[in-house]
Amino acid sequence: MPIYVYQCPDCETKFEKLTAMGADAPDCPDCGTHTRKVPATIQFMSANGASAGTNYAPAPRAGGVCGCGHGGCGIH
C-alpha cells in the first residue's frame, strides 16, 4: 500500500497515511472533516548533504484536466 498525503479543506491540516489504492480519503484527524489527496513533495539529498525539494504534480492533459478523475491531485 502506498503512502498518500491528505489535506483538510476546513482546518488545512496536512498528514500522510498508508492507504490502499482506490480507497476513499480518510477524515481529518484534527476536526473530522473529509479530506482530499494532495501532491507530495519529494526530497533529494546530494552527495554533499544538500537537499532539494521537488513537487511532482501530474502534468495537465489537453483541455486542462490532469487525469486524476476527481480533483484529488489539487490542480483543479
Protein backbone atom coordinates (compact mmCIF):
# COMPACT_ATOMS: atom_id res chain seq x y z
CA MET A 1 0.00 0.00 0.00
CA PRO A 2 1.31 3.47 -0.87
CA ILE A 3 1.58 6.43 1.49
CA TYR A 4 -0.55 9.37 0.38
CA VAL A 5 -0.61 13.00 1.57
CA TYR A 6 -4.04 14.38 2.50
CA GLN A 7 -5.20 17.89 3.41
CA CYS A 8 -8.34 19.04 5.21
CA PRO A 9 -10.28 21.76 3.34
CA ASP A 10 -11.61 23.20 6.63
CA CYS A 11 -8.67 23.37 9.07
CA GLU A 12 -5.90 22.87 6.43
CA THR A 13 -4.23 20.07 8.43
CA LYS A 14 -1.84 18.06 6.21
CA PHE A 15 -0.96 14.46 7.05
CA GLU A 16 0.36 11.23 5.49
CA LYS A 17 -1.48 7.93 5.64
CA LEU A 18 -0.80 4.43 4.38
CA THR A 19 -3.90 3.80 2.25
CA ALA A 20 -4.98 1.15 -0.24
CA MET A 21 -5.06 2.36 -3.84
CA GLY A 22 -8.58 3.47 -4.77
CA ALA A 23 -9.72 3.77 -1.14
CA ASP A 24 -11.75 6.77 -0.03
CA ALA A 25 -9.82 9.67 1.52
CA PRO A 26 -9.78 9.48 5.33
CA ASP A 27 -11.35 12.01 7.67
CA CYS A 28 -9.15 14.72 9.22
CA PRO A 29 -7.56 13.56 12.49
CA ASP A 30 -7.99 17.07 13.95
CA CYS A 31 -11.56 18.13 13.03
CA GLY A 32 -13.17 15.05 11.41
CA THR A 33 -13.90 16.70 8.02
CA HIS A 34 -13.48 14.56 4.87
CA THR A 35 -10.03 15.28 3.37
CA ARG A 36 -8.62 15.33 -0.17
CA LYS A 37 -5.43 13.87 -1.62
CA VAL A 38 -2.72 16.43 -2.44
CA PRO A 39 0.56 16.16 -4.39
CA ALA A 40 3.51 15.09 -2.25
CA THR A 41 6.84 16.90 -2.07
CA ILE A 42 9.85 14.65 -2.59
CA GLN A 43 13.23 15.46 -1.03
CA PHE A 44 16.53 14.51 -2.66
CA MET A 45 19.92 14.52 -0.92
CA SER A 46 23.06 15.30 -2.90
CA ALA A 47 26.47 13.80 -2.17
CA ASN A 48 27.45 16.88 -0.13
CA GLY A 49 24.32 16.64 2.06
CA ALA A 50 22.34 19.48 0.47
CA SER A 51 18.67 18.77 -0.14
CA ALA A 52 16.36 19.98 -2.88
CA GLY A 53 12.56 19.59 -2.73
CA THR A 54 10.57 18.89 -5.85
CA ASN A 55 6.80 18.89 -6.15
CA TYR A 56 5.67 16.20 -8.57
CA ALA A 57 2.14 17.22 -9.53
CA PRO A 58 0.78 15.48 -12.63
CA ALA A 59 1.09 17.45 -15.86
CA PRO A 60 -2.26 18.73 -17.18
CA ARG A 61 -3.66 16.94 -20.21
CA ALA A 62 -5.23 18.62 -23.22
CA GLY A 63 -8.18 20.70 -22.09
CA GLY A 64 -6.59 21.45 -18.70
CA VAL A 65 -7.64 18.25 -16.95
CA CYS A 66 -4.89 16.39 -15.13
CA GLY A 67 -6.45 12.96 -15.47
CA CYS A 68 -6.88 12.12 -11.77
CA GLY A 69 -10.61 11.82 -12.38
CA HIS A 70 -11.92 13.55 -9.28
CA GLY A 71 -9.83 16.55 -8.33
CA GLY A 72 -7.67 14.65 -5.86
CA CYS A 73 -4.45 15.98 -7.34
CA GLY A 74 -5.06 19.57 -6.21
CA ILE A 75 -4.61 21.01 -9.72
CA HIS A 76 -8.30 21.74 -10.39
